[in-house]
Amino acid sequence: MGALAPNEAMARRALELVPQGARLGLGSGRAAQAFVRVLGERVREGLQVRCVPTSRATEALAAREGVPLATLEELGELDLAVDGADEVSPALDLVKGYGGALVREKIVAAASRRLVILAQPAKQVAALGARGVLPVEVVAFGWSYCARRLAELGLRPARRLAGEAPFVSDGGNHVLDCAVSPIADPADLERSLAAIPGVVGTGLFLGLASVVFLEDERGEVTVLHRPGAAP
């Protein structure tokens, strides 16, 4: 095997966790795409899996790689989901959603017995919010109301744009990127955000990740396990 592409080393480590016949969730973003590519190799070698993608982009890539796709309705509980992250705390809590697929990613993560995260060491933070942005997905009809309520909580929301038009998620929603400082109590903030009518989901992924693979610029992989998570 020649030199590995970026994210490939940790993607291959995650692939070692996939048993024959697994029901998988496929995340979104560059790290998740690396996993889909190596998964496609194994499928062509005979690995049998059925996978639920978290975005149209992942769905298209998986189809090109020959990875069998299914829906949550068809599969029910998933054995494993593999995704990326924008922030990883010492407790393996996460901020996700910079790519805009946060709600589907959270649904698939919650439907999975294990969530495996692929990230670079730079994504490690002492406290969630350290990188300064928390995405919140909202119903398009009520985005301005949601923005006002978020501001009342001390957040500084800005509607995400795609060019000059509002960004629209695969679910048809808008995303408010909230400027934040390190979050003292992520669970309390998550409860407050979830109580706002029109908020569909937030980028706070708390208590979901079981294991995190970190790949540095040399391709060396470090493995972190959440305390109490199944091995």
Protein backbone atom coordinates (compact mmCIF):
# COMPACT_ATOMS: atom_id res chain seq x y z
CA MET A 1 0.00 0.00 0.00
CA GLY A 2 1.36 3.44 -0.92
CA ALA A 3 1.14 6.66 1.04
CA LEU A 4 -2.24 7.12 2.68
CA ALA A 5 -4.53 10.00 1.83
CA PRO A 6 -5.48 12.48 4.59
CA ASN A 7 -7.89 10.89 7.09
CA GLU A 8 -7.34 7.44 5.59
CA ALA A 9 -5.33 6.00 8.48
CA MET A 10 -8.04 6.66 11.06
CA ALA A 11 -10.74 5.62 8.59
CA ARG A 12 -9.05 2.24 8.25
CA ARG A 13 -8.83 1.93 12.04
CA ALA A 14 -12.56 2.59 12.27
CA LEU A 15 -13.18 0.00 9.56
CA GLU A 16 -11.67 -2.63 11.87
CA LEU A 17 -14.72 -2.16 14.12
CA VAL A 18 -17.18 -3.12 11.36
CA PRO A 19 -18.31 -6.76 11.49
CA GLN A 20 -19.81 -8.76 8.66
CA GLY A 21 -23.48 -7.89 8.22
CA ALA A 22 -23.26 -4.62 10.14
CA ARG A 23 -25.90 -1.91 9.97
CA LEU A 24 -23.96 1.35 9.73
CA GLY A 25 -24.58 5.07 9.90
CA LEU A 26 -22.43 7.10 7.53
CA GLY A 27 -21.58 10.63 8.63
CA SER A 28 -20.83 13.70 6.55
CA GLY A 29 -17.72 15.77 5.89
CA ARG A 30 -14.16 14.98 4.82
CA ALA A 31 -13.33 12.45 7.54
CA ALA A 32 -16.58 10.56 7.01
CA GLN A 33 -15.98 10.58 3.27
CA ALA A 34 -12.60 8.94 3.83
CA PHE A 35 -14.38 6.20 5.77
CA VAL A 36 -16.93 5.69 2.99
CA ARG A 37 -14.11 5.24 0.47
CA VAL A 38 -12.29 2.56 2.49
CA LEU A 39 -15.63 0.93 3.29
CA GLY A 40 -16.31 0.75 -0.44
CA GLU A 41 -13.03 -1.11 -0.92
CA ARG A 42 -14.02 -3.70 1.68
CA VAL A 43 -17.51 -4.06 0.20
CA ARG A 44 -15.97 -4.85 -3.17
CA GLU A 45 -13.86 -7.48 -1.39
CA GLY A 46 -16.97 -9.14 0.07
CA LEU A 47 -17.91 -7.26 3.26
CA GLN A 48 -21.68 -7.20 3.65
CA VAL A 49 -23.16 -4.08 5.23
CA ARG A 50 -26.24 -1.89 4.96
CA CYS A 51 -25.79 1.81 5.55
CA VAL A 52 -27.84 4.90 6.36
CA PRO A 53 -26.26 8.13 5.02
CA THR A 54 -26.63 11.42 6.91
CA SER A 55 -26.53 13.71 3.88
CA ARG A 56 -27.17 13.73 0.16
CA ALA A 57 -23.44 14.18 -0.44
CA THR A 58 -22.62 11.06 1.58
CA GLU A 59 -25.43 9.16 -0.14
CA ALA A 60 -24.01 10.05 -3.56
CA LEU A 61 -20.46 9.07 -2.59
CA ALA A 62 -21.60 5.77 -1.07
CA ALA A 63 -23.56 4.95 -4.21
CA ARG A 64 -20.50 5.62 -6.37
CA GLU A 65 -18.42 3.37 -4.11
CA GLY A 66 -20.96 0.56 -4.33
CA VAL A 67 -21.90 0.70 -0.64
CA PRO A 68 -25.41 -0.72 -0.06
CA LEU A 69 -27.80 1.92 1.29
CA ALA A 70 -30.96 1.68 3.35
CA THR A 71 -33.20 3.86 5.50
CA LEU A 72 -33.66 4.05 9.25
CA GLU A 73 -37.17 2.71 8.75
CA GLU A 74 -35.71 -0.40 7.13
CA LEU A 75 -32.88 -1.00 9.58
CA GLY A 76 -34.11 0.28 12.94
CA GLU A 77 -31.25 0.30 15.44
CA LEU A 78 -27.79 0.64 13.90
CA ASP A 79 -24.70 -1.20 15.11
CA LEU A 80 -22.27 1.62 14.50
CA ALA A 81 -22.10 5.15 13.11
CA VAL A 82 -18.89 6.76 11.87
CA ASP A 83 -18.70 10.53 11.59
CA GLY A 84 -16.43 13.54 12.03
CA ALA A 85 -16.55 16.35 14.58
CA ASP A 86 -15.72 20.04 14.80
CA GLU A 87 -14.85 19.98 18.51
CA VAL A 88 -14.02 17.14 20.90
CA SER A 89 -13.96 17.74 24.66
CA PRO A 90 -11.97 15.68 27.20
CA ALA A 91 -15.20 13.80 28.01
CA LEU A 92 -15.67 13.11 24.26
CA ASP A 93 -18.64 15.44 24.04
CA LEU A 94 -18.79 17.12 20.66
CA VAL A 95 -19.72 20.15 18.64
CA LYS A 96 -20.80 19.23 15.13
CA GLY A 97 -22.63 20.90 12.29
CA TYR A 98 -20.09 23.13 10.57
CA GLY A 99 -20.98 21.20 7.40
CA GLY A 100 -24.72 21.69 7.93
CA ALA A 101 -25.87 18.07 8.41
CA LEU A 102 -26.20 18.22 12.20
CA VAL A 103 -29.81 17.08 12.63
CA ARG A 104 -29.52 13.99 10.44
CA GLU A 105 -26.14 13.24 12.00
CA LYS A 106 -27.61 13.44 15.50
CA ILE A 107 -30.57 11.21 14.61
CA VAL A 108 -28.25 8.56 13.17
CA ALA A 109 -25.89 8.85 16.14
CA ALA A 110 -28.77 8.39 18.58
CA ALA A 111 -30.04 5.39 16.60
CA SER A 112 -26.63 3.68 16.81
CA ARG A 113 -25.27 1.49 19.57
CA ARG A 114 -21.85 3.10 19.10
CA LEU A 115 -20.71 6.40 17.61
CA VAL A 116 -17.14 6.46 16.30
CA ILE A 117 -15.63 9.87 15.61
CA LEU A 118 -12.77 10.64 13.22
CA ALA A 119 -10.99 13.96 13.77
CA GLN A 120 -7.69 15.81 13.75
CA PRO A 121 -5.94 16.68 17.04
CA ALA A 122 -6.67 20.37 16.39
CA LYS A 123 -10.35 19.59 17.03
CA GLN A 124 -9.61 18.78 20.68
CA VAL A 125 -10.73 21.56 23.02
CA ALA A 126 -10.66 22.08 26.77
CA ALA A 127 -14.34 23.10 26.70
CA LEU A 128 -17.03 22.97 24.03
CA GLY A 129 -17.44 26.28 22.25
CA ALA A 130 -13.72 27.05 22.30
CA ARG A 131 -13.61 27.38 18.51
CA GLY A 132 -16.27 30.07 18.80
CA VAL A 133 -19.22 28.70 16.80
CA LEU A 134 -22.23 26.59 17.75
CA PRO A 135 -24.57 25.71 14.84
CA VAL A 136 -28.30 25.55 15.55
CA GLU A 137 -30.69 24.22 12.88
CA VAL A 138 -34.09 25.94 12.78
CA VAL A 139 -37.30 25.81 10.79
CA ALA A 140 -37.01 28.32 7.95
CA PHE A 141 -40.41 29.87 8.73
CA GLY A 142 -39.32 30.86 12.24
CA TRP A 143 -35.64 31.60 11.79
CA SER A 144 -35.88 35.25 12.87
CA TYR A 145 -37.89 34.36 15.99
CA CYS A 146 -35.35 31.68 16.87
CA ALA A 147 -32.52 34.15 16.33
CA ARG A 148 -34.11 36.58 18.81
CA ARG A 149 -34.56 33.84 21.41
CA LEU A 150 -30.97 32.69 20.96
CA ALA A 151 -29.77 36.26 21.45
CA GLU A 152 -31.77 36.43 24.69
CA LEU A 153 -29.72 33.46 25.91
CA GLY A 154 -26.52 35.40 25.29
CA LEU A 155 -25.64 33.77 21.98
CA ARG A 156 -24.83 35.82 18.88
CA PRO A 157 -26.62 34.11 15.98
CA ALA A 158 -26.04 34.75 12.29
CA ARG A 159 -28.02 32.99 9.56
CA ARG A 160 -25.69 30.85 7.46
CA LEU A 161 -25.53 31.78 3.80
CA ALA A 162 -24.73 29.85 0.63
CA GLY A 163 -23.53 32.66 -1.57
CA GLU A 164 -26.11 35.42 -1.18
CA ALA A 165 -29.01 33.09 -0.31
CA PRO A 166 -29.69 31.37 3.01
CA PHE A 167 -28.08 27.97 3.42
CA VAL A 168 -30.73 25.23 3.33
CA SER A 169 -30.03 21.88 4.97
CA ASP A 170 -31.00 18.57 3.39
CA GLY A 171 -34.02 18.69 5.70
CA GLY A 172 -35.11 22.06 4.28
CA ASN A 173 -34.10 24.04 7.36
CA HIS A 174 -31.87 27.05 7.99
CA VAL A 175 -28.78 27.09 10.21
CA LEU A 176 -27.97 29.83 12.71
CA ASP A 177 -24.26 29.94 13.48
CA CYS A 178 -24.02 31.22 17.03
CA ALA A 179 -20.86 32.99 18.16
CA VAL A 180 -20.07 31.57 21.59
CA SER A 181 -17.41 31.54 24.26
CA PRO A 182 -16.44 28.27 25.97
CA ILE A 183 -19.70 26.82 27.28
CA ALA A 184 -19.78 26.37 31.05
CA ASP A 185 -22.73 23.93 31.11
CA PRO A 186 -23.41 22.36 27.70
CA ALA A 187 -26.25 20.18 28.99
CA ASP A 188 -28.10 23.17 30.43
CA LEU A 189 -27.62 25.12 27.20
CA GLU A 190 -28.88 22.16 25.17
CA ARG A 191 -32.05 22.02 27.27
CA SER A 192 -32.62 25.76 26.85
CA LEU A 193 -32.15 25.61 23.09
CA ALA A 194 -34.39 22.58 22.68
CA ALA A 195 -37.21 24.45 24.47
CA ILE A 196 -37.34 27.16 21.77
CA PRO A 197 -40.16 26.53 19.27
CA GLY A 198 -38.63 26.22 15.82
CA VAL A 199 -35.27 24.83 16.92
CA VAL A 200 -34.87 21.49 15.17
CA GLY A 201 -31.51 20.54 16.64
CA THR A 202 -28.20 21.85 17.90
CA GLY A 203 -24.57 21.05 17.25
CA LEU A 204 -24.09 19.83 20.83
CA PHE A 205 -23.59 16.05 20.79
CA LEU A 206 -23.42 15.12 24.45
CA GLY A 207 -22.75 11.60 25.73
CA LEU A 208 -23.02 10.06 22.26
CA ALA A 209 -19.44 9.30 21.17
CA SER A 210 -17.97 5.99 22.30
CA VAL A 211 -14.53 6.29 20.73
CA VAL A 212 -12.57 9.01 18.93
CA PHE A 213 -9.76 8.36 16.47
CA LEU A 214 -7.37 11.30 16.07
CA GLU A 215 -5.06 11.34 13.05
CA ASP A 216 -2.12 13.74 13.07
CA GLU A 217 -0.32 15.20 10.06
CA ARG A 218 2.08 12.22 9.98
CA GLY A 219 -0.81 9.77 9.73
CA GLU A 220 -0.35 8.49 13.28
CA VAL A 221 -3.60 7.62 15.03
CA THR A 222 -4.47 8.10 18.71
CA VAL A 223 -7.54 6.40 20.17
CA LEU A 224 -9.66 7.95 22.92
CA HIS A 225 -12.43 6.06 24.73
CA ARG A 226 -15.28 7.66 26.65
CA PRO A 227 -15.26 6.48 30.26
CA GLY A 228 -17.90 3.83 30.76
CA ALA A 229 -18.50 3.30 27.04
CA ALA A 230 -18.67 -0.22 25.67
CA PRO A 231 -15.28 -1.37 24.32
